[in-house]
């Protein structure tokens, strides 16, 4: 049987610790990433007309990426502070604490690429497609669209695919990090 512990002011204050802060930041990042990737977007896609859905995503994703970048930067800072060996052995990715730094950096790279490069390119392409739909009087997927529309469709599909892969790789990396800290703890062994 586990030890019975009374709640005291001291035990409540002990909740505000390095481990507590790390887990709150991690939980926020992972939960948000799962929601945006697997639920929120799908619900919006099914509930909204296509152009409204695109406009919503255009507003939602930059906020998601900025929050992701902020949270993972905080996690990276906290991790390297709690695991100084990660900086000492930075060139040895098979050292467990170093691998976690690489995992967090991979999330930074994926979400940063989405925020600074792929996301803006995808939005520009989407809005060009919206404009051309109005000019042609046809939806992007109707028969007989112009060659320009076909080119925009290919470009949008490629950019959307790259963005999705980057985001999925970030979600998987965040999940792997969660499995690691769930087994090894935040502060290490």
C-alpha atoms as a PDB file:
ATOM      1  CA  UNK A   1       0.000   0.000   0.000  1.00  0.00           C
ATOM      2  CA  UNK A   2       1.262   3.464  -0.776  1.00  0.00           C
ATOM      3  CA  UNK A   3       2.032   6.041   1.855  1.00  0.00           C
ATOM      4  CA  UNK A   4      -0.945   8.191   2.886  1.00  0.00           C
ATOM      5  CA  UNK A   5      -0.085  11.851   2.607  1.00  0.00           C
ATOM      6  CA  UNK A   6      -2.010  14.802   3.968  1.00  0.00           C
ATOM      7  CA  UNK A   7      -2.294  17.924   1.851  1.00  0.00           C
ATOM      8  CA  UNK A   8      -0.488  20.822   3.472  1.00  0.00           C
ATOM      9  CA  UNK A   9       0.542  24.292   2.382  1.00  0.00           C
ATOM     10  CA  UNK A  10       4.074  22.962   1.970  1.00  0.00           C
ATOM     11  CA  UNK A  11       2.978  20.039  -0.200  1.00  0.00           C
ATOM     12  CA  UNK A  12       0.940  22.409  -2.380  1.00  0.00           C
ATOM     13  CA  UNK A  13       3.884  24.793  -2.783  1.00  0.00           C
ATOM     14  CA  UNK A  14       6.072  21.844  -3.777  1.00  0.00           C
ATOM     15  CA  UNK A  15       3.855  21.400  -6.839  1.00  0.00           C
ATOM     16  CA  UNK A  16       5.478  24.509  -8.308  1.00  0.00           C
ATOM     17  CA  UNK A  17       8.710  22.792  -9.251  1.00  0.00           C
ATOM     18  CA  UNK A  18      10.924  22.231 -12.254  1.00  0.00           C
ATOM     19  CA  UNK A  19       9.215  18.898 -12.966  1.00  0.00           C
ATOM     20  CA  UNK A  20       5.776  20.463 -12.612  1.00  0.00           C
ATOM     21  CA  UNK A  21       6.612  23.321 -14.979  1.00  0.00           C
ATOM     22  CA  UNK A  22       8.161  20.964 -17.516  1.00  0.00           C
ATOM     23  CA  UNK A  23       5.148  18.663 -17.488  1.00  0.00           C
ATOM     24  CA  UNK A  24       2.677  21.558 -17.865  1.00  0.00           C
ATOM     25  CA  UNK A  25       4.599  22.920 -20.871  1.00  0.00           C
ATOM     26  CA  UNK A  26       4.954  19.461 -22.394  1.00  0.00           C
ATOM     27  CA  UNK A  27       1.277  18.619 -21.847  1.00  0.00           C
ATOM     28  CA  UNK A  28       0.195  21.894 -23.418  1.00  0.00           C
ATOM     29  CA  UNK A  29       2.397  21.281 -26.467  1.00  0.00           C
ATOM     30  CA  UNK A  30       1.366  17.663 -26.946  1.00  0.00           C
ATOM     31  CA  UNK A  31      -2.334  18.219 -26.330  1.00  0.00           C
ATOM     32  CA  UNK A  32      -2.476  21.229 -28.644  1.00  0.00           C
ATOM     33  CA  UNK A  33      -0.564  19.374 -31.344  1.00  0.00           C
ATOM     34  CA  UNK A  34      -2.874  16.368 -31.164  1.00  0.00           C
ATOM     35  CA  UNK A  35      -5.990  18.541 -31.240  1.00  0.00           C
ATOM     36  CA  UNK A  36      -4.898  20.710 -34.178  1.00  0.00           C
ATOM     37  CA  UNK A  37      -3.517  17.773 -36.177  1.00  0.00           C
ATOM     38  CA  UNK A  38      -6.150  15.110 -35.676  1.00  0.00           C
ATOM     39  CA  UNK A  39      -9.366  16.749 -34.492  1.00  0.00           C
ATOM     40  CA  UNK A  40      -9.843  20.511 -34.876  1.00  0.00           C
ATOM     41  CA  UNK A  41      -8.934  20.675 -38.548  1.00  0.00           C
ATOM     42  CA  UNK A  42     -11.044  17.665 -39.475  1.00  0.00           C
ATOM     43  CA  UNK A  43     -14.068  19.033 -37.623  1.00  0.00           C
ATOM     44  CA  UNK A  44     -13.673  22.442 -39.279  1.00  0.00           C
ATOM     45  CA  UNK A  45     -13.205  20.851 -42.714  1.00  0.00           C
ATOM     46  CA  UNK A  46     -16.469  18.950 -42.346  1.00  0.00           C
ATOM     47  CA  UNK A  47     -18.419  21.869 -40.848  1.00  0.00           C
ATOM     48  CA  UNK A  48     -17.359  24.840 -42.997  1.00  0.00           C
ATOM     49  CA  UNK A  49     -17.539  25.706 -46.673  1.00  0.00           C
ATOM     50  CA  UNK A  50     -14.125  25.173 -48.298  1.00  0.00           C
ATOM     51  CA  UNK A  51     -13.084  28.829 -48.588  1.00  0.00           C
ATOM     52  CA  UNK A  52     -14.150  29.598 -45.014  1.00  0.00           C
ATOM     53  CA  UNK A  53     -12.217  26.546 -43.871  1.00  0.00           C
ATOM     54  CA  UNK A  54      -9.132  27.806 -45.730  1.00  0.00           C
ATOM     55  CA  UNK A  55      -9.487  31.244 -44.157  1.00  0.00           C
ATOM     56  CA  UNK A  56      -9.820  29.686 -40.698  1.00  0.00           C
ATOM     57  CA  UNK A  57      -6.699  27.553 -41.220  1.00  0.00           C
ATOM     58  CA  UNK A  58      -4.842  30.628 -42.499  1.00  0.00           C
ATOM     59  CA  UNK A  59      -5.572  32.314 -39.146  1.00  0.00           C
ATOM     60  CA  UNK A  60      -5.212  29.254 -36.904  1.00  0.00           C
ATOM     61  CA  UNK A  61      -1.956  27.713 -38.073  1.00  0.00           C
ATOM     62  CA  UNK A  62       0.351  30.694 -37.530  1.00  0.00           C
ATOM     63  CA  UNK A  63      -0.867  30.911 -33.917  1.00  0.00           C
ATOM     64  CA  UNK A  64      -0.384  27.160 -33.504  1.00  0.00           C
ATOM     65  CA  UNK A  65       3.141  27.313 -34.898  1.00  0.00           C
ATOM     66  CA  UNK A  66       4.155  30.307 -32.746  1.00  0.00           C
ATOM     67  CA  UNK A  67       2.835  28.643 -29.591  1.00  0.00           C
ATOM     68  CA  UNK A  68       4.558  25.380 -30.590  1.00  0.00           C
ATOM     69  CA  UNK A  69       7.839  27.188 -31.203  1.00  0.00           C
ATOM     70  CA  UNK A  70       7.567  29.006 -27.871  1.00  0.00           C
ATOM     71  CA  UNK A  71       6.725  25.887 -25.886  1.00  0.00           C
ATOM     72  CA  UNK A  72       9.358  23.657 -27.459  1.00  0.00           C
ATOM     73  CA  UNK A  73      11.963  26.415 -26.991  1.00  0.00           C
ATOM     74  CA  UNK A  74      11.044  26.528 -23.316  1.00  0.00           C
ATOM     75  CA  UNK A  75      11.282  22.740 -23.061  1.00  0.00           C
ATOM     76  CA  UNK A  76      14.652  22.770 -24.796  1.00  0.00           C
ATOM     77  CA  UNK A  77      15.967  25.455 -22.449  1.00  0.00           C
ATOM     78  CA  UNK A  78      14.702  23.601 -19.374  1.00  0.00           C
ATOM     79  CA  UNK A  79      16.004  20.246 -20.634  1.00  0.00           C
ATOM     80  CA  UNK A  80      19.527  21.490 -21.350  1.00  0.00           C
ATOM     81  CA  UNK A  81      19.577  23.274 -17.985  1.00  0.00           C
ATOM     82  CA  UNK A  82      18.583  20.083 -16.135  1.00  0.00           C
ATOM     83  CA  UNK A  83      20.840  17.869 -18.273  1.00  0.00           C
ATOM     84  CA  UNK A  84      24.195  19.632 -18.712  1.00  0.00           C
ATOM     85  CA  UNK A  85      25.659  16.394 -20.110  1.00  0.00           C
ATOM     86  CA  UNK A  86      23.501  17.014 -23.185  1.00  0.00           C
ATOM     87  CA  UNK A  87      25.699  19.984 -24.059  1.00  0.00           C
ATOM     88  CA  UNK A  88      28.923  18.224 -23.108  1.00  0.00           C
ATOM     89  CA  UNK A  89      28.179  15.272 -25.400  1.00  0.00           C
ATOM     90  CA  UNK A  90      26.183  17.192 -28.050  1.00  0.00           C
ATOM     91  CA  UNK A  91      28.001  15.343 -30.854  1.00  0.00           C
ATOM     92  CA  UNK A  92      26.934  11.914 -29.540  1.00  0.00           C
ATOM     93  CA  UNK A  93      23.234  11.533 -30.418  1.00  0.00           C
ATOM     94  CA  UNK A  94      23.044   8.064 -28.877  1.00  0.00           C
ATOM     95  CA  UNK A  95      23.558   9.556 -25.413  1.00  0.00           C
ATOM     96  CA  UNK A  96      19.994   9.550 -24.067  1.00  0.00           C
ATOM     97  CA  UNK A  97      19.867  13.179 -22.879  1.00  0.00           C
ATOM     98  CA  UNK A  98      21.465  14.357 -26.135  1.00  0.00           C
ATOM     99  CA  UNK A  99      18.914  12.442 -28.199  1.00  0.00           C
ATOM    100  CA  UNK A 100      16.132  14.300 -26.381  1.00  0.00           C
ATOM    101  CA  UNK A 101      17.774  17.599 -27.342  1.00  0.00           C
ATOM    102  CA  UNK A 102      17.884  16.443 -30.969  1.00  0.00           C
ATOM    103  CA  UNK A 103      14.218  15.427 -30.754  1.00  0.00           C
ATOM    104  CA  UNK A 104      13.223  18.851 -29.422  1.00  0.00           C
ATOM    105  CA  UNK A 105      15.353  20.597 -32.053  1.00  0.00           C
ATOM    106  CA  UNK A 106      13.648  18.523 -34.759  1.00  0.00           C
ATOM    107  CA  UNK A 107      10.300  19.900 -33.553  1.00  0.00           C
ATOM    108  CA  UNK A 108      11.725  23.437 -33.705  1.00  0.00           C
ATOM    109  CA  UNK A 109      12.927  22.868 -37.258  1.00  0.00           C
ATOM    110  CA  UNK A 110       9.671  21.291 -38.466  1.00  0.00           C
ATOM    111  CA  UNK A 111       7.371  23.889 -36.908  1.00  0.00           C
ATOM    112  CA  UNK A 112       9.733  26.764 -37.767  1.00  0.00           C
ATOM    113  CA  UNK A 113       9.852  25.661 -41.406  1.00  0.00           C
ATOM    114  CA  UNK A 114       6.070  25.506 -41.432  1.00  0.00           C
ATOM    115  CA  UNK A 115       5.698  28.924 -39.811  1.00  0.00           C
ATOM    116  CA  UNK A 116       8.344  30.851 -41.732  1.00  0.00           C
ATOM    117  CA  UNK A 117       8.389  29.125 -45.144  1.00  0.00           C
ATOM    118  CA  UNK A 118       5.776  26.526 -46.070  1.00  0.00           C
ATOM    119  CA  UNK A 119       2.761  28.080 -44.319  1.00  0.00           C
ATOM    120  CA  UNK A 120       3.052  31.487 -46.017  1.00  0.00           C
ATOM    121  CA  UNK A 121       3.659  29.836 -49.405  1.00  0.00           C
ATOM    122  CA  UNK A 122       0.603  27.605 -48.926  1.00  0.00           C
ATOM    123  CA  UNK A 123      -1.594  30.555 -47.930  1.00  0.00           C
ATOM    124  CA  UNK A 124      -0.478  32.630 -50.917  1.00  0.00           C
ATOM    125  CA  UNK A 125      -1.226  29.717 -53.239  1.00  0.00           C
ATOM    126  CA  UNK A 126      -4.632  29.148 -51.626  1.00  0.00           C
ATOM    127  CA  UNK A 127      -5.590  32.811 -52.012  1.00  0.00           C
ATOM    128  CA  UNK A 128      -4.371  32.817 -55.635  1.00  0.00           C
ATOM    129  CA  UNK A 129      -6.595  29.813 -56.235  1.00  0.00           C
ATOM    130  CA  UNK A 130      -9.567  31.581 -54.592  1.00  0.00           C
ATOM    131  CA  UNK A 131      -8.976  34.615 -56.832  1.00  0.00           C
ATOM    132  CA  UNK A 132      -8.727  32.476 -59.968  1.00  0.00           C
ATOM    133  CA  UNK A 133     -11.911  30.590 -59.022  1.00  0.00           C
ATOM    134  CA  UNK A 134     -13.771  33.922 -58.958  1.00  0.00           C
ATOM    135  CA  UNK A 135     -12.258  34.986 -62.280  1.00  0.00           C
ATOM    136  CA  UNK A 136     -13.045  31.680 -63.994  1.00  0.00           C
ATOM    137  CA  UNK A 137     -16.405  31.205 -62.278  1.00  0.00           C
ATOM    138  CA  UNK A 138     -15.457  27.605 -61.488  1.00  0.00           C
ATOM    139  CA  UNK A 139     -14.342  25.748 -58.405  1.00  0.00           C
ATOM    140  CA  UNK A 140     -10.753  24.531 -58.503  1.00  0.00           C
ATOM    141  CA  UNK A 141     -11.836  20.909 -58.973  1.00  0.00           C
ATOM    142  CA  UNK A 142     -14.438  21.359 -61.725  1.00  0.00           C
ATOM    143  CA  UNK A 143     -13.792  20.003 -65.209  1.00  0.00           C
ATOM    144  CA  UNK A 144     -12.427  22.519 -67.688  1.00  0.00           C
ATOM    145  CA  UNK A 145     -10.432  24.705 -65.308  1.00  0.00           C
ATOM    146  CA  UNK A 146      -7.552  26.644 -66.805  1.00  0.00           C
ATOM    147  CA  UNK A 147      -3.956  25.457 -66.974  1.00  0.00           C
ATOM    148  CA  UNK A 148      -3.175  28.168 -64.423  1.00  0.00           C
ATOM    149  CA  UNK A 149      -5.664  26.617 -62.015  1.00  0.00           C
ATOM    150  CA  UNK A 150      -4.211  23.161 -62.609  1.00  0.00           C
ATOM    151  CA  UNK A 151      -0.741  24.509 -61.815  1.00  0.00           C
ATOM    152  CA  UNK A 152      -2.041  26.160 -58.621  1.00  0.00           C
ATOM    153  CA  UNK A 153      -3.735  22.887 -57.639  1.00  0.00           C
ATOM    154  CA  UNK A 154      -0.467  20.967 -58.032  1.00  0.00           C
ATOM    155  CA  UNK A 155       1.468  23.633 -56.119  1.00  0.00           C
ATOM    156  CA  UNK A 156      -1.102  23.755 -53.315  1.00  0.00           C
ATOM    157  CA  UNK A 157      -1.176  19.957 -53.069  1.00  0.00           C
ATOM    158  CA  UNK A 158       2.614  19.778 -52.834  1.00  0.00           C
ATOM    159  CA  UNK A 159       2.873  22.533 -50.234  1.00  0.00           C
ATOM    160  CA  UNK A 160       0.012  21.134 -48.180  1.00  0.00           C
ATOM    161  CA  UNK A 161       1.627  17.692 -48.280  1.00  0.00           C
ATOM    162  CA  UNK A 162       4.996  19.055 -47.146  1.00  0.00           C
ATOM    163  CA  UNK A 163       3.336  21.039 -44.358  1.00  0.00           C
ATOM    164  CA  UNK A 164       1.380  17.990 -43.211  1.00  0.00           C
ATOM    165  CA  UNK A 165       4.510  15.810 -43.171  1.00  0.00           C
ATOM    166  CA  UNK A 166       6.474  18.403 -41.207  1.00  0.00           C
ATOM    167  CA  UNK A 167       3.657  18.753 -38.699  1.00  0.00           C
ATOM    168  CA  UNK A 168       3.189  14.986 -38.371  1.00  0.00           C
ATOM    169  CA  UNK A 169       6.920  14.511 -37.816  1.00  0.00           C
ATOM    170  CA  UNK A 170       6.770  17.163 -35.068  1.00  0.00           C
ATOM    171  CA  UNK A 171       3.795  15.440 -33.409  1.00  0.00           C
ATOM    172  CA  UNK A 172       5.578  12.071 -33.527  1.00  0.00           C
ATOM    173  CA  UNK A 173       8.757  13.617 -32.091  1.00  0.00           C
ATOM    174  CA  UNK A 174       6.768  15.252 -29.285  1.00  0.00           C
ATOM    175  CA  UNK A 175       5.094  11.904 -28.596  1.00  0.00           C
ATOM    176  CA  UNK A 176       8.462  10.138 -28.486  1.00  0.00           C
ATOM    177  CA  UNK A 177       9.750  12.748 -26.038  1.00  0.00           C
ATOM    178  CA  UNK A 178       6.663  12.155 -23.893  1.00  0.00           C
ATOM    179  CA  UNK A 179       7.291   8.428 -23.856  1.00  0.00           C
ATOM    180  CA  UNK A 180      10.878   9.130 -22.822  1.00  0.00           C
ATOM    181  CA  UNK A 181      10.015  11.461 -19.953  1.00  0.00           C
ATOM    182  CA  UNK A 182       7.191   9.159 -18.903  1.00  0.00           C
ATOM    183  CA  UNK A 183       9.706   6.346 -18.423  1.00  0.00           C
ATOM    184  CA  UNK A 184      12.942   8.134 -17.472  1.00  0.00           C
ATOM    185  CA  UNK A 185      11.502  11.249 -15.841  1.00  0.00           C
ATOM    186  CA  UNK A 186      12.236  14.857 -16.569  1.00  0.00           C
ATOM    187  CA  UNK A 187      15.348  15.280 -14.467  1.00  0.00           C
ATOM    188  CA  UNK A 188      16.907  12.045 -15.636  1.00  0.00           C
ATOM    189  CA  UNK A 189      17.950   9.015 -13.719  1.00  0.00           C
END
